[in-house]
Amino acid sequence: MILNELAQGLRPVAEGVAWFEGLAEDDRRKALHALVLFCRQARACEEDVPESIARSGIRPTHTPAVMLTKWRFGMEALPAYELTKSFRLLVALFSIADTRRRTLYCAGGCGHAWHNLPAR
């Protein structure tokens, strides 16, 4: 639920980062893995990468950004100090892809529970 709220702008990214950093390391890795799956489900594409990097606030030279530029995932396997950067980047990618999907395929309404979240 939190990941979808972040993607839809219903929860501030700073709040999401605080939530993420409060998780145990193993749970942070699981959250990153889930985000990758959500990005794929939302049909993220390589053309979304530059905007994702810009929105995330991380540098294009940081390891997660370099990985994504090469369309490589697996950020959950990075060292612990790279996990928050990976989270910020994948949330941005998910947000871009999910917004496009909601606009193109779900604009007239849909049955996706995650697209019909209540405002906080």
N, C-alpha and C. Protein backbone atom coordinates (compact mmCIF):
# COMPACT_ATOMS: atom_id res chain seq x y z
N MET A 1 0.82 -1.18 0.00
CA MET A 1 0.00 0.00 0.00
C MET A 1 0.87 1.26 0.00
N ILE A 2 1.91 1.29 0.83
CA ILE A 2 2.78 2.46 0.91
C ILE A 2 3.44 2.73 -0.43
N LEU A 3 3.89 1.69 -1.10
CA LEU A 3 4.57 1.87 -2.39
C LEU A 3 3.63 2.47 -3.42
N ASN A 4 2.39 2.03 -3.44
CA ASN A 4 1.42 2.59 -4.37
C ASN A 4 1.07 4.03 -4.00
N GLU A 5 0.98 4.33 -2.71
CA GLU A 5 0.71 5.70 -2.28
C GLU A 5 1.85 6.62 -2.72
N LEU A 6 3.07 6.14 -2.61
CA LEU A 6 4.22 6.93 -3.05
C LEU A 6 4.16 7.16 -4.56
N ALA A 7 3.87 6.12 -5.31
CA ALA A 7 3.83 6.22 -6.77
C ALA A 7 2.75 7.19 -7.23
N GLN A 8 1.66 7.28 -6.49
CA GLN A 8 0.56 8.13 -6.89
C GLN A 8 0.61 9.52 -6.25
N GLY A 9 1.68 9.78 -5.51
CA GLY A 9 1.83 11.10 -4.89
C GLY A 9 0.90 11.32 -3.71
N LEU A 10 0.34 10.26 -3.16
CA LEU A 10 -0.55 10.37 -2.01
C LEU A 10 0.22 10.41 -0.70
N ARG A 11 1.49 10.08 -0.77
CA ARG A 11 2.37 10.09 0.40
C ARG A 11 3.67 10.77 -0.03
N PRO A 12 4.20 11.70 0.74
CA PRO A 12 5.46 12.36 0.37
C PRO A 12 6.62 11.37 0.31
N VAL A 13 7.51 11.58 -0.63
CA VAL A 13 8.67 10.69 -0.78
C VAL A 13 9.49 10.65 0.51
N ALA A 14 9.64 11.79 1.16
CA ALA A 14 10.42 11.82 2.41
C ALA A 14 9.83 10.89 3.45
N GLU A 15 8.53 10.81 3.51
CA GLU A 15 7.86 9.90 4.44
C GLU A 15 8.12 8.45 4.04
N GLY A 16 8.10 8.19 2.75
CA GLY A 16 8.40 6.84 2.25
C GLY A 16 9.83 6.44 2.55
N VAL A 17 10.76 7.37 2.38
CA VAL A 17 12.16 7.09 2.68
C VAL A 17 12.32 6.79 4.17
N ALA A 18 11.65 7.56 5.01
CA ALA A 18 11.73 7.32 6.46
C ALA A 18 11.18 5.93 6.80
N TRP A 19 10.08 5.56 6.19
CA TRP A 19 9.51 4.22 6.38
C TRP A 19 10.51 3.16 5.95
N PHE A 20 11.07 3.34 4.76
CA PHE A 20 12.02 2.38 4.20
C PHE A 20 13.24 2.22 5.11
N GLU A 21 13.79 3.33 5.54
CA GLU A 21 14.99 3.28 6.38
C GLU A 21 14.70 2.71 7.77
N GLY A 22 13.45 2.69 8.16
CA GLY A 22 13.07 2.08 9.44
C GLY A 22 12.93 0.58 9.39
N LEU A 23 12.97 0.02 8.18
CA LEU A 23 12.86 -1.43 8.02
C LEU A 23 14.20 -2.10 8.32
N ALA A 24 14.14 -3.36 8.71
CA ALA A 24 15.36 -4.15 8.84
C ALA A 24 15.98 -4.30 7.45
N GLU A 25 17.27 -4.49 7.37
CA GLU A 25 17.95 -4.56 6.08
C GLU A 25 17.33 -5.61 5.16
N ASP A 26 17.01 -6.77 5.68
CA ASP A 26 16.41 -7.83 4.87
C ASP A 26 15.06 -7.37 4.29
N ASP A 27 14.29 -6.65 5.09
CA ASP A 27 13.00 -6.15 4.61
C ASP A 27 13.18 -5.03 3.59
N ARG A 28 14.22 -4.23 3.72
CA ARG A 28 14.51 -3.21 2.70
C ARG A 28 14.81 -3.89 1.37
N ARG A 29 15.57 -4.96 1.43
CA ARG A 29 15.90 -5.70 0.20
C ARG A 29 14.63 -6.29 -0.42
N LYS A 30 13.74 -6.80 0.40
CA LYS A 30 12.48 -7.35 -0.10
C LYS A 30 11.61 -6.25 -0.71
N ALA A 31 11.61 -5.09 -0.09
CA ALA A 31 10.83 -3.96 -0.63
C ALA A 31 11.37 -3.55 -2.00
N LEU A 32 12.68 -3.54 -2.17
CA LEU A 32 13.27 -3.20 -3.47
C LEU A 32 12.88 -4.23 -4.52
N HIS A 33 12.90 -5.49 -4.13
CA HIS A 33 12.51 -6.56 -5.07
C HIS A 33 11.05 -6.37 -5.49
N ALA A 34 10.19 -6.05 -4.53
CA ALA A 34 8.78 -5.80 -4.85
C ALA A 34 8.64 -4.60 -5.78
N LEU A 35 9.40 -3.55 -5.53
CA LEU A 35 9.35 -2.37 -6.39
C LEU A 35 9.73 -2.70 -7.83
N VAL A 36 10.73 -3.53 -8.00
CA VAL A 36 11.12 -3.94 -9.36
C VAL A 36 9.95 -4.66 -10.04
N LEU A 37 9.29 -5.54 -9.30
CA LEU A 37 8.14 -6.26 -9.87
C LEU A 37 7.01 -5.28 -10.21
N PHE A 38 6.78 -4.29 -9.34
CA PHE A 38 5.74 -3.30 -9.61
C PHE A 38 6.09 -2.47 -10.84
N CYS A 39 7.36 -2.13 -10.99
CA CYS A 39 7.80 -1.36 -12.17
C CYS A 39 7.54 -2.15 -13.44
N ARG A 40 7.84 -3.42 -13.41
CA ARG A 40 7.60 -4.26 -14.60
C ARG A 40 6.11 -4.39 -14.88
N GLN A 41 5.33 -4.58 -13.82
CA GLN A 41 3.89 -4.71 -13.98
C GLN A 41 3.28 -3.43 -14.54
N ALA A 42 3.83 -2.29 -14.15
CA ALA A 42 3.33 -1.00 -14.64
C ALA A 42 3.89 -0.66 -16.02
N ARG A 43 4.71 -1.54 -16.56
CA ARG A 43 5.29 -1.39 -17.91
C ARG A 43 6.30 -0.25 -18.00
N ALA A 44 7.17 -0.17 -17.01
CA ALA A 44 8.27 0.80 -17.08
C ALA A 44 9.11 0.47 -18.30
N CYS A 45 9.70 1.49 -18.90
CA CYS A 45 10.54 1.26 -20.08
C CYS A 45 11.82 2.08 -19.96
N GLU A 46 12.78 1.74 -20.78
CA GLU A 46 14.09 2.40 -20.73
C GLU A 46 13.99 3.90 -20.94
N GLU A 47 12.99 4.35 -21.69
CA GLU A 47 12.82 5.78 -21.93
C GLU A 47 12.45 6.53 -20.65
N ASP A 48 12.00 5.81 -19.63
CA ASP A 48 11.63 6.43 -18.35
C ASP A 48 12.83 6.70 -17.45
N VAL A 49 13.97 6.13 -17.79
CA VAL A 49 15.14 6.19 -16.91
C VAL A 49 15.64 7.61 -16.64
N PRO A 50 15.88 8.45 -17.66
CA PRO A 50 16.40 9.79 -17.35
C PRO A 50 15.50 10.58 -16.41
N GLU A 51 14.20 10.54 -16.64
CA GLU A 51 13.28 11.26 -15.75
C GLU A 51 13.29 10.64 -14.35
N SER A 52 13.40 9.33 -14.27
CA SER A 52 13.45 8.65 -12.97
C SER A 52 14.66 9.12 -12.17
N ILE A 53 15.79 9.20 -12.83
CA ILE A 53 17.01 9.67 -12.15
C ILE A 53 16.83 11.10 -11.69
N ALA A 54 16.29 11.95 -12.56
CA ALA A 54 16.09 13.35 -12.20
C ALA A 54 15.13 13.48 -11.02
N ARG A 55 14.03 12.75 -11.05
CA ARG A 55 13.04 12.83 -9.97
C ARG A 55 13.57 12.27 -8.65
N SER A 56 14.41 11.27 -8.74
CA SER A 56 14.88 10.59 -7.52
C SER A 56 15.80 11.45 -6.68
N GLY A 57 16.48 12.40 -7.33
CA GLY A 57 17.41 13.24 -6.61
C GLY A 57 18.78 12.61 -6.39
N ILE A 58 19.00 11.44 -6.97
CA ILE A 58 20.33 10.83 -6.85
C ILE A 58 21.13 11.21 -8.09
N ARG A 59 22.42 11.12 -7.97
CA ARG A 59 23.28 11.48 -9.10
C ARG A 59 23.27 10.37 -10.16
N PRO A 60 23.38 10.76 -11.41
CA PRO A 60 23.43 9.76 -12.49
C PRO A 60 24.63 8.83 -12.37
N THR A 61 25.63 9.22 -11.59
CA THR A 61 26.82 8.39 -11.44
C THR A 61 26.72 7.40 -10.27
N HIS A 62 25.67 7.51 -9.46
CA HIS A 62 25.49 6.55 -8.37
C HIS A 62 25.16 5.17 -8.95
N THR A 63 25.63 4.17 -8.30
CA THR A 63 25.51 2.80 -8.80
C THR A 63 24.09 2.42 -9.23
N PRO A 64 23.05 2.67 -8.41
CA PRO A 64 21.71 2.29 -8.87
C PRO A 64 21.31 2.98 -10.17
N ALA A 65 21.69 4.24 -10.34
CA ALA A 65 21.35 4.97 -11.56
C ALA A 65 22.10 4.39 -12.76
N VAL A 66 23.35 4.06 -12.55
CA VAL A 66 24.13 3.44 -13.64
C VAL A 66 23.51 2.10 -14.03
N MET A 67 23.12 1.33 -13.03
CA MET A 67 22.48 0.04 -13.31
C MET A 67 21.21 0.23 -14.13
N LEU A 68 20.37 1.18 -13.70
CA LEU A 68 19.11 1.39 -14.39
C LEU A 68 19.33 1.92 -15.80
N THR A 69 20.34 2.75 -15.99
CA THR A 69 20.67 3.25 -17.32
C THR A 69 20.98 2.11 -18.28
N LYS A 70 21.55 1.05 -17.73
CA LYS A 70 21.86 -0.14 -18.54
C LYS A 70 20.71 -1.15 -18.52
N TRP A 71 19.57 -0.72 -17.93
CA TRP A 71 18.35 -1.52 -17.81
C TRP A 71 18.62 -2.82 -17.04
N ARG A 72 19.45 -2.65 -16.00
CA ARG A 72 19.76 -3.76 -15.11
C ARG A 72 19.14 -3.48 -13.77
N PHE A 73 18.51 -4.48 -13.24
CA PHE A 73 17.88 -4.36 -11.94
C PHE A 73 18.71 -5.19 -10.96
N GLY A 74 18.16 -5.61 -9.86
CA GLY A 74 18.94 -6.35 -8.88
C GLY A 74 19.54 -5.46 -7.83
N MET A 75 18.96 -4.28 -7.66
CA MET A 75 19.48 -3.34 -6.67
C MET A 75 19.42 -3.90 -5.25
N GLU A 76 18.53 -4.88 -5.03
CA GLU A 76 18.43 -5.45 -3.69
C GLU A 76 19.70 -6.18 -3.28
N ALA A 77 20.57 -6.47 -4.24
CA ALA A 77 21.83 -7.16 -3.94
C ALA A 77 22.99 -6.19 -3.70
N LEU A 78 22.74 -4.90 -3.83
CA LEU A 78 23.79 -3.90 -3.62
C LEU A 78 24.14 -3.81 -2.13
N PRO A 79 25.28 -3.20 -1.82
CA PRO A 79 25.64 -2.99 -0.41
C PRO A 79 24.57 -2.14 0.29
N ALA A 80 24.47 -2.28 1.59
CA ALA A 80 23.42 -1.62 2.37
C ALA A 80 23.40 -0.10 2.15
N TYR A 81 24.56 0.52 1.98
CA TYR A 81 24.59 1.98 1.82
C TYR A 81 23.99 2.45 0.49
N GLU A 82 23.71 1.54 -0.43
CA GLU A 82 23.11 1.90 -1.72
C GLU A 82 21.59 1.68 -1.73
N LEU A 83 21.04 1.10 -0.68
CA LEU A 83 19.63 0.70 -0.70
C LEU A 83 18.67 1.89 -0.74
N THR A 84 18.93 2.92 0.04
CA THR A 84 18.03 4.08 0.03
C THR A 84 18.05 4.77 -1.32
N LYS A 85 19.22 4.89 -1.91
CA LYS A 85 19.30 5.50 -3.26
C LYS A 85 18.50 4.65 -4.25
N SER A 86 18.63 3.34 -4.14
CA SER A 86 17.88 2.43 -5.01
C SER A 86 16.38 2.61 -4.81
N PHE A 87 15.97 2.74 -3.56
CA PHE A 87 14.55 2.93 -3.24
C PHE A 87 14.03 4.21 -3.90
N ARG A 88 14.73 5.30 -3.71
CA ARG A 88 14.30 6.58 -4.29
C ARG A 88 14.17 6.47 -5.82
N LEU A 89 15.12 5.81 -6.43
CA LEU A 89 15.14 5.66 -7.89
C LEU A 89 13.99 4.78 -8.37
N LEU A 90 13.77 3.66 -7.71
CA LEU A 90 12.72 2.75 -8.14
C LEU A 90 11.33 3.31 -7.86
N VAL A 91 11.17 4.08 -6.80
CA VAL A 91 9.89 4.74 -6.55
C VAL A 91 9.60 5.73 -7.68
N ALA A 92 10.61 6.46 -8.10
CA ALA A 92 10.43 7.42 -9.20
C ALA A 92 10.06 6.68 -10.50
N LEU A 93 10.75 5.59 -10.79
CA LEU A 93 10.45 4.82 -12.00
C LEU A 93 9.04 4.26 -11.94
N PHE A 94 8.67 3.71 -10.80
CA PHE A 94 7.32 3.16 -10.62
C PHE A 94 6.28 4.25 -10.79
N SER A 95 6.52 5.41 -10.23
CA SER A 95 5.58 6.52 -10.33
C SER A 95 5.35 6.93 -11.78
N ILE A 96 6.42 7.04 -12.53
CA ILE A 96 6.32 7.43 -13.94
C ILE A 96 5.53 6.39 -14.73
N ALA A 97 5.90 5.12 -14.57
CA ALA A 97 5.24 4.05 -15.32
C ALA A 97 3.78 3.90 -14.90
N ASP A 98 3.52 3.95 -13.59
CA ASP A 98 2.16 3.77 -13.11
C ASP A 98 1.27 4.93 -13.52
N THR A 99 1.80 6.14 -13.51
CA THR A 99 1.02 7.30 -13.96
C THR A 99 0.63 7.14 -15.42
N ARG A 100 1.58 6.71 -16.23
CA ARG A 100 1.28 6.49 -17.66
C ARG A 100 0.21 5.40 -17.81
N ARG A 101 0.36 4.33 -17.05
CA ARG A 101 -0.59 3.22 -17.15
C ARG A 101 -1.99 3.68 -16.73
N ARG A 102 -2.08 4.43 -15.63
CA ARG A 102 -3.39 4.91 -15.18
C ARG A 102 -4.00 5.85 -16.21
N THR A 103 -3.16 6.68 -16.85
CA THR A 103 -3.65 7.64 -17.83
C THR A 103 -4.12 6.94 -19.12
N LEU A 104 -3.34 5.98 -19.58
CA LEU A 104 -3.65 5.33 -20.85
C LEU A 104 -4.68 4.21 -20.74
N TYR A 105 -4.60 3.42 -19.71
CA TYR A 105 -5.41 2.21 -19.65
C TYR A 105 -6.51 2.23 -18.60
N CYS A 106 -6.40 3.11 -17.64
CA CYS A 106 -7.36 3.10 -16.53
C CYS A 106 -8.06 4.44 -16.35
N ALA A 107 -7.97 5.30 -17.37
CA ALA A 107 -8.51 6.66 -17.24
C ALA A 107 -10.02 6.66 -17.00
N GLY A 108 -10.73 5.74 -17.60
CA GLY A 108 -12.18 5.69 -17.45
C GLY A 108 -12.62 4.91 -16.23
N GLY A 109 -11.66 4.56 -15.40
CA GLY A 109 -11.97 3.75 -14.22
C GLY A 109 -11.47 2.33 -14.44
N CYS A 110 -11.12 1.70 -13.36
CA CYS A 110 -10.65 0.34 -13.46
C CYS A 110 -10.93 -0.38 -12.14
N GLY A 111 -10.72 -1.66 -12.14
CA GLY A 111 -10.95 -2.46 -10.95
C GLY A 111 -9.70 -2.69 -10.13
N HIS A 112 -8.59 -2.05 -10.51
CA HIS A 112 -7.35 -2.23 -9.75
C HIS A 112 -7.48 -1.52 -8.40
N ALA A 113 -7.47 -2.28 -7.34
CA ALA A 113 -7.62 -1.69 -6.00
C ALA A 113 -6.52 -0.66 -5.74
N TRP A 114 -5.31 -0.91 -6.25
CA TRP A 114 -4.19 0.00 -6.02
C TRP A 114 -4.30 1.29 -6.81
N HIS A 115 -5.21 1.36 -7.77
CA HIS A 115 -5.43 2.61 -8.50
C HIS A 115 -6.58 3.40 -7.89
N ASN A 116 -7.22 2.85 -6.90
CA ASN A 116 -8.37 3.49 -6.28
C ASN A 116 -8.16 3.68 -4.79
N LEU A 117 -6.97 4.17 -4.45
CA LEU A 117 -6.62 4.39 -3.05
C LEU A 117 -7.28 5.68 -2.55
N PRO A 118 -7.70 5.67 -1.30
CA PRO A 118 -8.29 6.91 -0.76
C PRO A 118 -7.18 7.95 -0.50
N ALA A 119 -7.55 9.20 -0.65
CA ALA A 119 -6.61 10.27 -0.34
C ALA A 119 -6.32 10.22 1.16
N ARG A 120 -5.08 10.52 1.54
CA ARG A 120 -4.73 10.48 2.96
C ARG A 120 -5.07 11.76 3.64
